Amino acid sequence: MISGLVAALALSASATPAQASQAQPTDPIGQLIEKAKRAADEAVTAVETELKATLYHTGVRGIGVKDSLGCRLAPMRTVAVDPKVFPRHSVLFIKQTVGLKMPDGTVHDGYWYASDVGGAIKGARIDLFTGAGAASMKALQALNLATLSVVKVGVFEGCPTANTPTMVAQNSFPPN
């Protein structure tokens, strides 16, 4: 690997700028660092974290219909998080929400998607998206928002919807 890197550097020193840009080796160290960062972001913590929760809905100033990933907000599935606590693209399990009535009439399974961030969501806070209008918050008003137990159980790709299958680690969740 080192000899290949030295040869590529020697080639680029004697080549024209156009030739050198085509012959540039990839950055293997940088690639390893990026891969490690992605793995850390995707790692399942399996550690229960106590977070203070707030609720948000569309229909108020400053709340649009898309999250920070550019995806449509999914009622009773989208959460806004501090990316330093839970990275975006995390599948979170909130045990206090299991059994709540969903907008479509089904029962909540406790899984939420960290696809949004908010200016006031710093540190041990989470913001649960309830849907359109203040009436959508009724399903969650019985929750003790002072402390919710949150566990990262997996990751998702793309844009989550109400029907996005959760990709949880090793089918060992929900936690007991």
C-alpha atoms as a PDB file:
ATOM      1  CA  MET A   1       0.000   0.000   0.000  1.00  0.00           C
ATOM      2  CA  ILE A   2       2.811   2.432   0.909  1.00  0.00           C
ATOM      3  CA  SER A   3       4.727   1.627  -2.290  1.00  0.00           C
ATOM      4  CA  GLY A   4       1.562   2.264  -4.316  1.00  0.00           C
ATOM      5  CA  LEU A   5       1.090   5.593  -2.583  1.00  0.00           C
ATOM      6  CA  VAL A   6       4.739   6.571  -3.224  1.00  0.00           C
ATOM      7  CA  ALA A   7       4.400   5.557  -6.887  1.00  0.00           C
ATOM      8  CA  ALA A   8       1.223   7.617  -7.251  1.00  0.00           C
ATOM      9  CA  LEU A   9       2.919  10.626  -5.654  1.00  0.00           C
ATOM     10  CA  ALA A  10       5.928  10.237  -7.971  1.00  0.00           C
ATOM     11  CA  LEU A  11       3.602   9.999 -10.973  1.00  0.00           C
ATOM     12  CA  SER A  12       1.712  13.112  -9.915  1.00  0.00           C
ATOM     13  CA  ALA A  13       4.989  15.043  -9.442  1.00  0.00           C
ATOM     14  CA  SER A  14       6.081  14.347 -13.046  1.00  0.00           C
ATOM     15  CA  ALA A  15       2.623  14.575 -14.626  1.00  0.00           C
ATOM     16  CA  THR A  16       0.740  17.570 -15.905  1.00  0.00           C
ATOM     17  CA  PRO A  17      -1.956  18.933 -13.546  1.00  0.00           C
ATOM     18  CA  ALA A  18      -4.702  17.257 -15.605  1.00  0.00           C
ATOM     19  CA  GLN A  19      -2.893  13.903 -15.528  1.00  0.00           C
ATOM     20  CA  ALA A  20      -2.130  14.243 -11.822  1.00  0.00           C
ATOM     21  CA  SER A  21      -5.772  14.832 -10.943  1.00  0.00           C
ATOM     22  CA  GLN A  22      -6.739  11.639 -12.777  1.00  0.00           C
ATOM     23  CA  ALA A  23      -3.981   9.607 -11.120  1.00  0.00           C
ATOM     24  CA  GLN A  24      -4.625  10.827  -7.543  1.00  0.00           C
ATOM     25  CA  PRO A  25      -4.953   7.888  -5.172  1.00  0.00           C
ATOM     26  CA  THR A  26      -7.983   7.687  -2.947  1.00  0.00           C
ATOM     27  CA  ASP A  27      -7.537   8.726   0.644  1.00  0.00           C
ATOM     28  CA  PRO A  28      -7.552   5.379   2.490  1.00  0.00           C
ATOM     29  CA  ILE A  29      -7.091   6.954   5.932  1.00  0.00           C
ATOM     30  CA  GLY A  30      -9.869   9.463   5.298  1.00  0.00           C
ATOM     31  CA  GLN A  31     -12.113   6.646   4.058  1.00  0.00           C
ATOM     32  CA  LEU A  32     -11.435   4.632   7.221  1.00  0.00           C
ATOM     33  CA  ILE A  33     -12.222   7.636   9.392  1.00  0.00           C
ATOM     34  CA  GLU A  34     -15.489   8.291   7.517  1.00  0.00           C
ATOM     35  CA  LYS A  35     -16.427   4.606   7.765  1.00  0.00           C
ATOM     36  CA  ALA A  36     -15.756   4.636  11.520  1.00  0.00           C
ATOM     37  CA  LYS A  37     -17.873   7.800  11.934  1.00  0.00           C
ATOM     38  CA  ARG A  38     -20.771   6.204  10.017  1.00  0.00           C
ATOM     39  CA  ALA A  39     -20.484   3.016  12.086  1.00  0.00           C
ATOM     40  CA  ALA A  40     -20.546   5.042  15.301  1.00  0.00           C
ATOM     41  CA  ASP A  41     -23.640   6.922  14.133  1.00  0.00           C
ATOM     42  CA  GLU A  42     -25.349   3.665  13.184  1.00  0.00           C
ATOM     43  CA  ALA A  43     -24.346   1.766  16.309  1.00  0.00           C
ATOM     44  CA  VAL A  44     -27.209   0.610  18.468  1.00  0.00           C
ATOM     45  CA  THR A  45     -26.771   2.017  21.933  1.00  0.00           C
ATOM     46  CA  ALA A  46     -29.180  -0.334  23.712  1.00  0.00           C
ATOM     47  CA  VAL A  47     -28.805   2.101  26.600  1.00  0.00           C
ATOM     48  CA  GLU A  48     -31.963   3.568  28.023  1.00  0.00           C
ATOM     49  CA  THR A  49     -31.788   7.350  28.091  1.00  0.00           C
ATOM     50  CA  GLU A  50     -34.201   9.495  30.085  1.00  0.00           C
ATOM     51  CA  LEU A  51     -35.286  12.517  28.038  1.00  0.00           C
ATOM     52  CA  LYS A  52     -37.624  15.417  28.665  1.00  0.00           C
ATOM     53  CA  ALA A  53     -40.218  15.538  25.893  1.00  0.00           C
ATOM     54  CA  THR A  54     -42.216  18.204  24.160  1.00  0.00           C
ATOM     55  CA  LEU A  55     -44.831  17.850  21.434  1.00  0.00           C
ATOM     56  CA  TYR A  56     -45.069  19.623  18.102  1.00  0.00           C
ATOM     57  CA  HIS A  57     -47.554  19.717  15.246  1.00  0.00           C
ATOM     58  CA  THR A  58     -48.102  21.467  11.945  1.00  0.00           C
ATOM     59  CA  GLY A  59     -50.314  24.509  11.836  1.00  0.00           C
ATOM     60  CA  VAL A  60     -48.182  26.773  13.997  1.00  0.00           C
ATOM     61  CA  ARG A  61     -45.703  29.339  12.794  1.00  0.00           C
ATOM     62  CA  GLY A  62     -42.286  27.878  12.037  1.00  0.00           C
ATOM     63  CA  ILE A  63     -43.437  24.261  11.660  1.00  0.00           C
ATOM     64  CA  GLY A  64     -43.497  23.044   8.078  1.00  0.00           C
ATOM     65  CA  VAL A  65     -44.466  19.685   6.646  1.00  0.00           C
ATOM     66  CA  LYS A  66     -40.899  18.454   6.132  1.00  0.00           C
ATOM     67  CA  ASP A  67     -38.219  17.366   8.588  1.00  0.00           C
ATOM     68  CA  SER A  68     -34.536  18.289   8.547  1.00  0.00           C
ATOM     69  CA  LEU A  69     -33.844  15.424   6.116  1.00  0.00           C
ATOM     70  CA  GLY A  70     -36.304  16.943   3.635  1.00  0.00           C
ATOM     71  CA  CYS A  71     -38.869  14.186   4.236  1.00  0.00           C
ATOM     72  CA  ARG A  72     -42.564  14.605   5.043  1.00  0.00           C
ATOM     73  CA  LEU A  73     -43.219  14.523   8.774  1.00  0.00           C
ATOM     74  CA  ALA A  74     -44.877  11.254   9.835  1.00  0.00           C
ATOM     75  CA  PRO A  75     -47.470  11.747  12.602  1.00  0.00           C
ATOM     76  CA  MET A  76     -46.711   9.768  15.769  1.00  0.00           C
ATOM     77  CA  ARG A  77     -43.429   8.527  14.193  1.00  0.00           C
ATOM     78  CA  THR A  78     -41.164  11.552  13.606  1.00  0.00           C
ATOM     79  CA  VAL A  79     -39.089  12.920  16.471  1.00  0.00           C
ATOM     80  CA  ALA A  80     -36.730  15.864  16.649  1.00  0.00           C
ATOM     81  CA  VAL A  81     -33.531  15.131  18.548  1.00  0.00           C
ATOM     82  CA  ASP A  82     -30.189  16.641  19.397  1.00  0.00           C
ATOM     83  CA  PRO A  83     -27.881  14.799  16.951  1.00  0.00           C
ATOM     84  CA  LYS A  84     -25.216  14.693  19.675  1.00  0.00           C
ATOM     85  CA  VAL A  85     -27.555  12.513  21.775  1.00  0.00           C
ATOM     86  CA  PHE A  86     -29.155  10.442  18.987  1.00  0.00           C
ATOM     87  CA  PRO A  87     -28.001  10.838  15.377  1.00  0.00           C
ATOM     88  CA  ARG A  88     -30.605  11.431  12.711  1.00  0.00           C
ATOM     89  CA  HIS A  89     -31.598   8.164  10.970  1.00  0.00           C
ATOM     90  CA  SER A  90     -31.898   6.432  14.360  1.00  0.00           C
ATOM     91  CA  VAL A  91     -34.866   4.196  15.112  1.00  0.00           C
ATOM     92  CA  LEU A  92     -35.861   4.918  18.699  1.00  0.00           C
ATOM     93  CA  PHE A  93     -38.047   2.864  21.030  1.00  0.00           C
ATOM     94  CA  ILE A  94     -40.092   4.863  23.562  1.00  0.00           C
ATOM     95  CA  LYS A  95     -41.808   2.367  25.831  1.00  0.00           C
ATOM     96  CA  GLN A  96     -44.284   4.902  27.248  1.00  0.00           C
ATOM     97  CA  THR A  97     -45.853   5.284  23.777  1.00  0.00           C
ATOM     98  CA  VAL A  98     -46.630   1.589  23.299  1.00  0.00           C
ATOM     99  CA  GLY A  99     -50.386   1.132  23.077  1.00  0.00           C
ATOM    100  CA  LEU A 100     -51.254   4.740  22.222  1.00  0.00           C
ATOM    101  CA  LYS A 101     -53.852   5.197  19.500  1.00  0.00           C
ATOM    102  CA  MET A 102     -52.333   6.114  16.125  1.00  0.00           C
ATOM    103  CA  PRO A 103     -54.009   8.547  13.676  1.00  0.00           C
ATOM    104  CA  ASP A 104     -55.115   5.597  11.497  1.00  0.00           C
ATOM    105  CA  GLY A 105     -56.744   3.868  14.481  1.00  0.00           C
ATOM    106  CA  THR A 106     -54.024   1.248  15.010  1.00  0.00           C
ATOM    107  CA  VAL A 107     -52.064   0.906  18.230  1.00  0.00           C
ATOM    108  CA  HIS A 108     -48.578   2.419  18.546  1.00  0.00           C
ATOM    109  CA  ASP A 109     -45.696  -0.062  18.770  1.00  0.00           C
ATOM    110  CA  GLY A 110     -43.325   2.410  20.469  1.00  0.00           C
ATOM    111  CA  TYR A 111     -41.000   2.961  17.477  1.00  0.00           C
ATOM    112  CA  TRP A 112     -40.130   6.495  16.365  1.00  0.00           C
ATOM    113  CA  TYR A 113     -37.780   7.893  13.709  1.00  0.00           C
ATOM    114  CA  ALA A 114     -35.160  10.535  14.526  1.00  0.00           C
ATOM    115  CA  SER A 115     -35.370  12.527  11.308  1.00  0.00           C
ATOM    116  CA  ASP A 116     -35.732  16.047  12.619  1.00  0.00           C
ATOM    117  CA  VAL A 117     -33.824  18.553  14.736  1.00  0.00           C
ATOM    118  CA  GLY A 118     -35.024  21.719  16.398  1.00  0.00           C
ATOM    119  CA  GLY A 119     -33.484  24.901  17.699  1.00  0.00           C
ATOM    120  CA  ALA A 120     -34.719  24.206  21.245  1.00  0.00           C
ATOM    121  CA  ILE A 121     -33.846  20.507  21.168  1.00  0.00           C
ATOM    122  CA  LYS A 122     -30.480  20.486  22.901  1.00  0.00           C
ATOM    123  CA  GLY A 123     -29.126  17.770  25.173  1.00  0.00           C
ATOM    124  CA  ALA A 124     -31.518  15.395  26.931  1.00  0.00           C
ATOM    125  CA  ARG A 125     -34.660  16.555  25.099  1.00  0.00           C
ATOM    126  CA  ILE A 126     -36.891  15.049  22.441  1.00  0.00           C
ATOM    127  CA  ASP A 127     -39.764  16.563  20.471  1.00  0.00           C
ATOM    128  CA  LEU A 128     -42.532  14.190  19.333  1.00  0.00           C
ATOM    129  CA  PHE A 129     -44.431  15.092  16.162  1.00  0.00           C
ATOM    130  CA  THR A 130     -48.157  14.478  16.637  1.00  0.00           C
ATOM    131  CA  GLY A 131     -49.668  15.503  13.286  1.00  0.00           C
ATOM    132  CA  ALA A 132     -51.746  18.378  11.954  1.00  0.00           C
ATOM    133  CA  GLY A 133     -53.188  20.875  14.408  1.00  0.00           C
ATOM    134  CA  ALA A 134     -53.353  21.037  18.187  1.00  0.00           C
ATOM    135  CA  ALA A 135     -56.050  18.338  18.320  1.00  0.00           C
ATOM    136  CA  SER A 136     -53.437  15.786  17.164  1.00  0.00           C
ATOM    137  CA  MET A 137     -51.668  16.177  20.521  1.00  0.00           C
ATOM    138  CA  LYS A 138     -54.537  14.565  22.480  1.00  0.00           C
ATOM    139  CA  ALA A 139     -53.188  11.031  22.031  1.00  0.00           C
ATOM    140  CA  LEU A 140     -49.988  11.979  23.878  1.00  0.00           C
ATOM    141  CA  GLN A 141     -51.371  14.248  26.587  1.00  0.00           C
ATOM    142  CA  ALA A 142     -51.535  11.367  29.062  1.00  0.00           C
ATOM    143  CA  LEU A 143     -47.757  10.884  28.843  1.00  0.00           C
ATOM    144  CA  ASN A 144     -45.448  12.118  31.562  1.00  0.00           C
ATOM    145  CA  LEU A 145     -43.377  14.369  29.302  1.00  0.00           C
ATOM    146  CA  ALA A 146     -40.921  15.132  32.104  1.00  0.00           C
ATOM    147  CA  THR A 147     -39.217  11.775  31.544  1.00  0.00           C
ATOM    148  CA  LEU A 148     -39.487   9.369  28.653  1.00  0.00           C
ATOM    149  CA  SER A 149     -37.335   6.249  28.395  1.00  0.00           C
ATOM    150  CA  VAL A 150     -35.703   6.236  24.967  1.00  0.00           C
ATOM    151  CA  VAL A 151     -33.483   3.525  23.472  1.00  0.00           C
ATOM    152  CA  LYS A 152     -31.804   3.551  20.068  1.00  0.00           C
ATOM    153  CA  VAL A 153     -32.699   0.194  18.535  1.00  0.00           C
ATOM    154  CA  GLY A 154     -31.664   0.569  14.908  1.00  0.00           C
ATOM    155  CA  VAL A 155     -31.284   2.792  11.892  1.00  0.00           C
ATOM    156  CA  PHE A 156     -33.368   3.634   8.850  1.00  0.00           C
ATOM    157  CA  GLU A 157     -32.539   4.833   5.362  1.00  0.00           C
ATOM    158  CA  GLY A 158     -34.413   7.269   3.184  1.00  0.00           C
ATOM    159  CA  CYS A 159     -37.586   8.947   4.374  1.00  0.00           C
ATOM    160  CA  PRO A 160     -39.633   7.323   7.129  1.00  0.00           C
ATOM    161  CA  THR A 161     -43.397   7.074   6.850  1.00  0.00           C
ATOM    162  CA  ALA A 162     -46.079   5.775   9.171  1.00  0.00           C
ATOM    163  CA  ASN A 163     -45.596   2.371   7.506  1.00  0.00           C
ATOM    164  CA  THR A 164     -41.794   2.247   7.327  1.00  0.00           C
ATOM    165  CA  PRO A 165     -40.579  -1.080   8.647  1.00  0.00           C
ATOM    166  CA  THR A 166     -38.227  -0.678  11.557  1.00  0.00           C
ATOM    167  CA  MET A 167     -34.749  -2.099  11.056  1.00  0.00           C
ATOM    168  CA  VAL A 168     -34.000  -3.076  14.604  1.00  0.00           C
ATOM    169  CA  ALA A 169     -30.866  -4.855  15.652  1.00  0.00           C
ATOM    170  CA  GLN A 170     -30.978  -8.631  16.008  1.00  0.00           C
ATOM    171  CA  ASN A 171     -34.757  -8.689  16.570  1.00  0.00           C
ATOM    172  CA  SER A 172     -34.075  -8.391  20.292  1.00  0.00           C
ATOM    173  CA  PHE A 173     -36.257  -5.359  20.811  1.00  0.00           C
ATOM    174  CA  PRO A 174     -38.442  -3.895  22.220  1.00  0.00           C
ATOM    175  CA  PRO A 175     -36.396  -3.809  25.394  1.00  0.00           C
ATOM    176  CA  ASN A 176     -37.877  -5.366  28.507  1.00  0.00           C
END
